[in-house]
Amino acid sequence: MLAVAAAIASAAAVLFARITGWSDLARAFPAPAGATDARSRTGGVVVGAWGWNAPPLRAGVDDDGLTLDPRPPFRAFFRPVRIPWNAVTGFERREYMFFEVFRLRCGEETALGFLPSEVTDAIERRLSERPAAELSPQEKTPSP
């Protein structure tokens, strides 16, 4: 009976990773083995246009990009993600459903939303150093 419950929970986690868009994100931006230095816990993170919650994460920001590393036991179903800075096409801070949200866009379709934290401050500082021409026109300047 316990094995059946574990199998159902595992299948649900795999399905959730696909529905939320995390699987597509991990396929587009796989984290190299052993290259993650994600130490900071980050607040709530949502993936995609529908705002599906991601699993609890640790995040790392360095010269090369942003690392999102799901915490155990979710790591078995949600692979770590490594987004290089040159893949980020826009970012902004805005209010969404009574909360301030930091929104990061990678490409045309992939969006991540973060509750503001020290991680989002570090991401914003890093992206603000980039030339404005690299970001999309509607998101060159982050909202206050």
N, C-alpha and C. Protein backbone atom coordinates (compact mmCIF):
# COMPACT_ATOMS: atom_id res chain seq x y z
N MET A 1 0.82 -1.19 0.00
CA MET A 1 0.00 0.00 0.00
C MET A 1 0.87 1.27 0.00
N LEU A 2 1.93 1.23 0.79
CA LEU A 2 2.85 2.36 0.86
C LEU A 2 3.54 2.58 -0.49
N ALA A 3 3.87 1.50 -1.17
CA ALA A 3 4.51 1.59 -2.48
C ALA A 3 3.56 2.23 -3.50
N VAL A 4 2.29 1.91 -3.42
CA VAL A 4 1.29 2.50 -4.33
C VAL A 4 1.17 4.00 -4.06
N ALA A 5 1.13 4.38 -2.79
CA ALA A 5 1.04 5.79 -2.43
C ALA A 5 2.27 6.56 -2.91
N ALA A 6 3.46 5.95 -2.76
CA ALA A 6 4.70 6.58 -3.22
C ALA A 6 4.70 6.73 -4.74
N ALA A 7 4.20 5.73 -5.44
CA ALA A 7 4.14 5.78 -6.90
C ALA A 7 3.17 6.87 -7.37
N ILE A 8 2.05 6.99 -6.70
CA ILE A 8 1.08 8.03 -7.05
C ILE A 8 1.65 9.42 -6.77
N ALA A 9 2.32 9.59 -5.63
CA ALA A 9 2.93 10.88 -5.29
C ALA A 9 4.03 11.24 -6.29
N SER A 10 4.82 10.26 -6.70
CA SER A 10 5.88 10.50 -7.68
C SER A 10 5.29 10.90 -9.03
N ALA A 11 4.26 10.20 -9.46
CA ALA A 11 3.61 10.52 -10.73
C ALA A 11 3.01 11.92 -10.69
N ALA A 12 2.42 12.29 -9.55
CA ALA A 12 1.85 13.62 -9.40
C ALA A 12 2.93 14.70 -9.47
N ALA A 13 4.08 14.45 -8.86
CA ALA A 13 5.19 15.41 -8.88
C ALA A 13 5.73 15.59 -10.29
N VAL A 14 5.88 14.50 -11.03
CA VAL A 14 6.35 14.58 -12.41
C VAL A 14 5.35 15.36 -13.27
N LEU A 15 4.07 15.07 -13.10
CA LEU A 15 3.03 15.76 -13.84
C LEU A 15 3.03 17.25 -13.49
N PHE A 16 3.18 17.57 -12.21
CA PHE A 16 3.20 18.96 -11.78
C PHE A 16 4.39 19.70 -12.38
N ALA A 17 5.55 19.06 -12.46
CA ALA A 17 6.73 19.68 -13.06
C ALA A 17 6.47 20.00 -14.54
N ARG A 18 5.73 19.16 -15.21
CA ARG A 18 5.41 19.41 -16.62
C ARG A 18 4.35 20.48 -16.78
N ILE A 19 3.31 20.43 -15.97
CA ILE A 19 2.21 21.40 -16.06
C ILE A 19 2.69 22.81 -15.74
N THR A 20 3.53 22.95 -14.74
CA THR A 20 3.99 24.28 -14.32
C THR A 20 4.93 24.92 -15.33
N GLY A 21 5.55 24.14 -16.18
CA GLY A 21 6.52 24.68 -17.12
C GLY A 21 7.96 24.51 -16.63
N TRP A 22 8.11 23.97 -15.41
CA TRP A 22 9.47 23.79 -14.88
C TRP A 22 10.28 22.84 -15.76
N SER A 23 9.67 21.78 -16.24
CA SER A 23 10.39 20.81 -17.10
C SER A 23 10.92 21.50 -18.35
N ASP A 24 10.11 22.37 -18.96
CA ASP A 24 10.55 23.09 -20.16
C ASP A 24 11.69 24.05 -19.80
N LEU A 25 11.57 24.72 -18.66
CA LEU A 25 12.61 25.64 -18.21
C LEU A 25 13.92 24.88 -17.98
N ALA A 26 13.84 23.72 -17.33
CA ALA A 26 15.03 22.91 -17.05
C ALA A 26 15.64 22.35 -18.34
N ARG A 27 14.81 22.07 -19.31
CA ARG A 27 15.31 21.57 -20.60
C ARG A 27 16.00 22.71 -21.37
N ALA A 28 15.45 23.91 -21.29
CA ALA A 28 16.04 25.06 -22.00
C ALA A 28 17.30 25.57 -21.31
N PHE A 29 17.33 25.48 -19.97
CA PHE A 29 18.45 26.04 -19.20
C PHE A 29 18.93 25.03 -18.14
N PRO A 30 19.50 23.92 -18.58
CA PRO A 30 19.95 22.91 -17.61
C PRO A 30 21.15 23.41 -16.81
N ALA A 31 21.17 23.09 -15.55
CA ALA A 31 22.32 23.44 -14.71
C ALA A 31 23.37 22.35 -14.88
N PRO A 32 24.61 22.74 -15.19
CA PRO A 32 25.66 21.74 -15.31
C PRO A 32 25.88 21.04 -13.96
N ALA A 33 26.20 19.78 -13.99
CA ALA A 33 26.44 19.03 -12.76
C ALA A 33 27.55 19.68 -11.95
N GLY A 34 27.30 19.89 -10.68
CA GLY A 34 28.31 20.43 -9.79
C GLY A 34 28.56 21.92 -9.94
N ALA A 35 27.82 22.60 -10.82
CA ALA A 35 28.08 24.02 -11.06
C ALA A 35 27.16 24.92 -10.25
N THR A 36 26.30 24.36 -9.43
CA THR A 36 25.36 25.20 -8.70
C THR A 36 25.96 25.67 -7.39
N ASP A 37 25.76 26.93 -7.14
CA ASP A 37 26.17 27.52 -5.87
C ASP A 37 24.97 28.30 -5.34
N ALA A 38 23.86 27.61 -5.23
CA ALA A 38 22.61 28.24 -4.82
C ALA A 38 22.46 28.12 -3.31
N ARG A 39 22.84 29.17 -2.62
CA ARG A 39 22.81 29.12 -1.16
C ARG A 39 21.66 29.90 -0.54
N SER A 40 21.19 30.95 -1.21
CA SER A 40 20.17 31.81 -0.63
C SER A 40 18.79 31.23 -0.84
N ARG A 41 18.05 31.13 0.25
CA ARG A 41 16.65 30.73 0.10
C ARG A 41 15.91 31.89 -0.55
N THR A 42 15.03 31.58 -1.46
CA THR A 42 14.25 32.63 -2.09
C THR A 42 12.79 32.45 -1.72
N GLY A 43 12.06 33.55 -1.75
CA GLY A 43 10.64 33.51 -1.43
C GLY A 43 9.88 32.76 -2.50
N GLY A 44 8.59 32.94 -2.53
CA GLY A 44 7.77 32.24 -3.50
C GLY A 44 8.21 32.53 -4.93
N VAL A 45 8.22 31.51 -5.75
CA VAL A 45 8.58 31.64 -7.16
C VAL A 45 7.47 30.99 -7.96
N VAL A 46 7.02 31.68 -9.01
CA VAL A 46 6.03 31.09 -9.90
C VAL A 46 6.62 31.02 -11.29
N VAL A 47 6.16 30.04 -12.06
CA VAL A 47 6.70 29.77 -13.39
C VAL A 47 5.58 29.92 -14.41
N GLY A 48 5.88 30.57 -15.50
CA GLY A 48 4.97 30.63 -16.63
C GLY A 48 3.87 31.65 -16.50
N ALA A 49 3.14 31.78 -17.59
CA ALA A 49 2.07 32.79 -17.67
C ALA A 49 0.93 32.51 -16.71
N TRP A 50 0.74 31.26 -16.34
CA TRP A 50 -0.37 30.92 -15.46
C TRP A 50 0.00 31.04 -13.99
N GLY A 51 1.26 31.30 -13.70
CA GLY A 51 1.67 31.53 -12.33
C GLY A 51 1.64 30.31 -11.44
N TRP A 52 2.10 29.18 -11.95
CA TRP A 52 2.17 27.96 -11.14
C TRP A 52 3.31 28.08 -10.14
N ASN A 53 3.07 27.69 -8.92
CA ASN A 53 4.11 27.75 -7.90
C ASN A 53 5.20 26.72 -8.17
N ALA A 54 6.42 27.17 -8.02
CA ALA A 54 7.58 26.28 -8.12
C ALA A 54 7.78 25.64 -6.74
N PRO A 55 8.57 24.59 -6.67
CA PRO A 55 8.86 23.99 -5.36
C PRO A 55 9.76 24.93 -4.55
N PRO A 56 9.94 24.68 -3.27
CA PRO A 56 10.88 25.49 -2.48
C PRO A 56 12.27 25.44 -3.12
N LEU A 57 12.90 26.61 -3.24
CA LEU A 57 14.15 26.72 -3.97
C LEU A 57 15.24 27.39 -3.16
N ARG A 58 16.47 27.15 -3.59
CA ARG A 58 17.61 27.97 -3.21
C ARG A 58 18.07 28.61 -4.51
N ALA A 59 18.54 29.83 -4.41
CA ALA A 59 18.96 30.56 -5.61
C ALA A 59 20.38 31.04 -5.44
N GLY A 60 21.07 31.15 -6.56
CA GLY A 60 22.43 31.69 -6.58
C GLY A 60 22.58 32.65 -7.73
N VAL A 61 23.25 33.77 -7.46
CA VAL A 61 23.50 34.79 -8.48
C VAL A 61 25.01 34.99 -8.54
N ASP A 62 25.57 34.86 -9.75
CA ASP A 62 27.00 35.11 -9.91
C ASP A 62 27.24 35.80 -11.24
N ASP A 63 28.49 35.92 -11.65
CA ASP A 63 28.84 36.64 -12.87
C ASP A 63 28.24 36.02 -14.13
N ASP A 64 27.98 34.72 -14.09
CA ASP A 64 27.51 34.03 -15.30
C ASP A 64 26.00 33.91 -15.41
N GLY A 65 25.29 33.93 -14.29
CA GLY A 65 23.85 33.77 -14.40
C GLY A 65 23.17 33.51 -13.07
N LEU A 66 21.96 33.03 -13.18
CA LEU A 66 21.08 32.74 -12.04
C LEU A 66 20.88 31.23 -11.96
N THR A 67 21.06 30.68 -10.77
CA THR A 67 20.83 29.26 -10.55
C THR A 67 19.63 29.09 -9.63
N LEU A 68 18.71 28.22 -10.00
CA LEU A 68 17.57 27.87 -9.16
C LEU A 68 17.66 26.38 -8.88
N ASP A 69 17.78 26.04 -7.63
CA ASP A 69 18.00 24.66 -7.23
C ASP A 69 16.90 24.21 -6.27
N PRO A 70 15.97 23.37 -6.74
CA PRO A 70 14.90 22.88 -5.86
C PRO A 70 15.47 22.13 -4.66
N ARG A 71 14.81 22.26 -3.55
CA ARG A 71 15.26 21.60 -2.32
C ARG A 71 14.75 20.17 -2.30
N PRO A 72 15.47 19.30 -1.59
CA PRO A 72 14.98 17.93 -1.43
C PRO A 72 13.64 17.95 -0.71
N PRO A 73 12.77 17.07 -1.00
CA PRO A 73 12.78 15.94 -1.94
C PRO A 73 12.36 16.32 -3.35
N PHE A 74 12.07 17.62 -3.60
CA PHE A 74 11.57 18.05 -4.90
C PHE A 74 12.62 17.92 -6.01
N ARG A 75 13.89 17.94 -5.66
CA ARG A 75 14.97 17.87 -6.64
C ARG A 75 14.87 16.61 -7.50
N ALA A 76 14.27 15.57 -6.98
CA ALA A 76 14.12 14.33 -7.75
C ALA A 76 13.20 14.54 -8.96
N PHE A 77 12.31 15.53 -8.90
CA PHE A 77 11.32 15.75 -9.96
C PHE A 77 11.50 17.10 -10.68
N PHE A 78 12.15 18.03 -10.03
CA PHE A 78 12.39 19.36 -10.57
C PHE A 78 13.91 19.56 -10.66
N ARG A 79 14.45 19.44 -11.86
CA ARG A 79 15.91 19.56 -12.03
C ARG A 79 16.37 21.00 -11.80
N PRO A 80 17.60 21.19 -11.33
CA PRO A 80 18.15 22.54 -11.17
C PRO A 80 18.22 23.27 -12.51
N VAL A 81 18.09 24.58 -12.45
CA VAL A 81 18.08 25.43 -13.64
C VAL A 81 19.21 26.44 -13.53
N ARG A 82 19.87 26.70 -14.65
CA ARG A 82 20.94 27.70 -14.71
C ARG A 82 20.63 28.64 -15.88
N ILE A 83 20.21 29.86 -15.58
CA ILE A 83 19.83 30.83 -16.61
C ILE A 83 20.98 31.82 -16.80
N PRO A 84 21.64 31.79 -17.95
CA PRO A 84 22.73 32.75 -18.18
C PRO A 84 22.13 34.15 -18.38
N TRP A 85 22.89 35.16 -18.00
CA TRP A 85 22.38 36.53 -18.09
C TRP A 85 22.00 36.90 -19.51
N ASN A 86 22.71 36.38 -20.50
CA ASN A 86 22.38 36.75 -21.88
C ASN A 86 21.06 36.14 -22.35
N ALA A 87 20.48 35.22 -21.59
CA ALA A 87 19.18 34.64 -21.95
C ALA A 87 18.02 35.46 -21.38
N VAL A 88 18.31 36.39 -20.47
CA VAL A 88 17.26 37.21 -19.87
C VAL A 88 16.91 38.33 -20.83
N THR A 89 15.63 38.40 -21.22
CA THR A 89 15.20 39.40 -22.19
C THR A 89 14.44 40.55 -21.55
N GLY A 90 14.11 40.46 -20.28
CA GLY A 90 13.42 41.56 -19.63
C GLY A 90 13.19 41.28 -18.16
N PHE A 91 12.97 42.36 -17.40
CA PHE A 91 12.65 42.23 -15.99
C PHE A 91 11.90 43.47 -15.54
N GLU A 92 11.12 43.33 -14.51
CA GLU A 92 10.39 44.46 -13.95
C GLU A 92 9.90 44.11 -12.54
N ARG A 93 9.61 45.16 -11.79
CA ARG A 93 8.91 45.01 -10.52
C ARG A 93 7.53 45.59 -10.74
N ARG A 94 6.51 44.88 -10.29
CA ARG A 94 5.16 45.39 -10.45
C ARG A 94 4.25 44.81 -9.39
N GLU A 95 3.08 45.38 -9.26
CA GLU A 95 2.12 44.87 -8.29
C GLU A 95 1.22 43.85 -8.98
N TYR A 96 1.02 42.73 -8.32
CA TYR A 96 0.18 41.67 -8.86
C TYR A 96 -0.60 41.06 -7.71
N MET A 97 -1.91 41.16 -7.78
CA MET A 97 -2.80 40.61 -6.75
C MET A 97 -2.35 41.03 -5.34
N PHE A 98 -2.17 42.32 -5.14
CA PHE A 98 -1.86 42.95 -3.86
C PHE A 98 -0.43 42.71 -3.37
N PHE A 99 0.42 42.12 -4.19
CA PHE A 99 1.80 41.87 -3.82
C PHE A 99 2.74 42.53 -4.82
N GLU A 100 3.88 42.99 -4.32
CA GLU A 100 4.93 43.42 -5.24
C GLU A 100 5.60 42.15 -5.75
N VAL A 101 5.82 42.09 -7.05
CA VAL A 101 6.40 40.92 -7.68
C VAL A 101 7.57 41.36 -8.56
N PHE A 102 8.62 40.58 -8.55
CA PHE A 102 9.75 40.78 -9.46
C PHE A 102 9.56 39.77 -10.57
N ARG A 103 9.45 40.24 -11.80
CA ARG A 103 9.20 39.37 -12.94
C ARG A 103 10.43 39.35 -13.84
N LEU A 104 10.85 38.15 -14.20
CA LEU A 104 12.02 37.93 -15.03
C LEU A 104 11.57 37.18 -16.28
N ARG A 105 11.97 37.65 -17.45
CA ARG A 105 11.57 36.97 -18.67
C ARG A 105 12.81 36.44 -19.38
N CYS A 106 12.70 35.19 -19.85
CA CYS A 106 13.78 34.53 -20.58
C CYS A 106 13.20 34.10 -21.92
N GLY A 107 13.56 34.77 -22.98
CA GLY A 107 13.00 34.47 -24.28
C GLY A 107 11.61 35.06 -24.41
N GLU A 108 10.88 34.59 -25.38
CA GLU A 108 9.55 35.12 -25.66
C GLU A 108 8.47 34.62 -24.71
N GLU A 109 8.56 33.36 -24.30
CA GLU A 109 7.46 32.76 -23.58
C GLU A 109 7.73 32.46 -22.11
N THR A 110 8.96 32.35 -21.71
CA THR A 110 9.27 31.91 -20.36
C THR A 110 9.33 33.09 -19.40
N ALA A 111 8.51 33.02 -18.36
CA ALA A 111 8.50 34.07 -17.35
C ALA A 111 8.58 33.43 -15.97
N LEU A 112 9.32 34.08 -15.09
CA LEU A 112 9.41 33.67 -13.70
C LEU A 112 9.01 34.85 -12.84
N GLY A 113 8.21 34.60 -11.83
CA GLY A 113 7.83 35.65 -10.89
C GLY A 113 8.38 35.31 -9.52
N PHE A 114 8.95 36.31 -8.85
CA PHE A 114 9.53 36.12 -7.53
C PHE A 114 8.91 37.11 -6.56
N LEU A 115 8.68 36.68 -5.33
CA LEU A 115 8.41 37.66 -4.29
C LEU A 115 9.74 38.34 -4.01
N PRO A 116 9.74 39.66 -3.81
CA PRO A 116 11.01 40.36 -3.59
C PRO A 116 11.79 39.79 -2.41
N SER A 117 13.10 39.72 -2.58
CA SER A 117 13.99 39.18 -1.55
C SER A 117 15.40 39.66 -1.85
N GLU A 118 16.36 39.24 -1.05
CA GLU A 118 17.75 39.59 -1.34
C GLU A 118 18.19 39.01 -2.69
N VAL A 119 17.60 37.89 -3.08
CA VAL A 119 17.92 37.28 -4.37
C VAL A 119 17.45 38.17 -5.51
N THR A 120 16.21 38.67 -5.43
CA THR A 120 15.71 39.53 -6.51
C THR A 120 16.48 40.84 -6.56
N ASP A 121 16.89 41.35 -5.41
CA ASP A 121 17.71 42.57 -5.39
C ASP A 121 19.03 42.32 -6.12
N ALA A 122 19.64 41.16 -5.89
CA ALA A 122 20.91 40.82 -6.55
C ALA A 122 20.71 40.64 -8.06
N ILE A 123 19.60 40.01 -8.45
CA ILE A 123 19.31 39.83 -9.88
C ILE A 123 19.13 41.20 -10.53
N GLU A 124 18.35 42.05 -9.89
CA GLU A 124 18.08 43.37 -10.46
C GLU A 124 19.36 44.20 -10.58
N ARG A 125 20.22 44.15 -9.56
CA ARG A 125 21.50 44.87 -9.64
C ARG A 125 22.32 44.36 -10.82
N ARG A 126 22.39 43.04 -10.96
CA ARG A 126 23.18 42.44 -12.04
C ARG A 126 22.62 42.85 -13.40
N LEU A 127 21.30 42.79 -13.56
CA LEU A 127 20.69 43.11 -14.85
C LEU A 127 20.73 44.60 -15.15
N SER A 128 20.72 45.44 -14.13
CA SER A 128 20.79 46.88 -14.33
C SER A 128 22.14 47.30 -14.90
N GLU A 129 23.15 46.48 -14.71
CA GLU A 129 24.49 46.76 -15.24
C GLU A 129 24.58 46.48 -16.74
N ARG A 130 23.61 45.73 -17.27
CA ARG A 130 23.64 45.40 -18.69
C ARG A 130 23.23 46.59 -19.53
N PRO A 131 23.72 46.68 -20.76
CA PRO A 131 23.26 47.75 -21.67
C PRO A 131 21.76 47.62 -21.92
N ALA A 132 21.05 48.73 -21.94
CA ALA A 132 19.60 48.73 -22.11
C ALA A 132 19.18 48.09 -23.43
N ALA A 133 20.02 48.13 -24.44
CA ALA A 133 19.68 47.55 -25.74
C ALA A 133 19.47 46.04 -25.67
N GLU A 134 20.01 45.39 -24.64
CA GLU A 134 19.87 43.94 -24.52
C GLU A 134 18.51 43.53 -23.97
N LEU A 135 17.76 44.48 -23.38
CA LEU A 135 16.47 44.16 -22.78
C LEU A 135 15.35 44.62 -23.68
N SER A 136 14.18 44.02 -23.52
CA SER A 136 13.04 44.38 -24.34
C SER A 136 12.60 45.81 -24.04
N PRO A 137 12.04 46.51 -25.03
CA PRO A 137 11.69 47.92 -24.85
C PRO A 137 10.75 48.18 -23.68
N GLN A 138 9.76 47.34 -23.44
CA GLN A 138 8.82 47.60 -22.37
C GLN A 138 9.40 47.31 -21.00
N GLU A 139 10.56 46.72 -20.93
CA GLU A 139 11.09 46.37 -19.63
C GLU A 139 12.52 46.88 -19.42
N LYS A 140 12.92 47.94 -20.11
CA LYS A 140 14.26 48.46 -19.93
C LYS A 140 14.46 49.03 -18.54
N THR A 141 13.44 49.68 -18.04
CA THR A 141 13.56 50.30 -16.73
C THR A 141 12.63 49.60 -15.76
N PRO A 142 13.17 49.03 -14.68
CA PRO A 142 12.30 48.36 -13.72
C PRO A 142 11.38 49.37 -13.07
N SER A 143 10.15 48.95 -12.79
CA SER A 143 9.19 49.79 -12.10
C SER A 143 9.60 49.97 -10.65
N PRO A 144 9.33 51.16 -10.07
CA PRO A 144 9.66 51.35 -8.64
C PRO A 144 8.80 50.53 -7.73
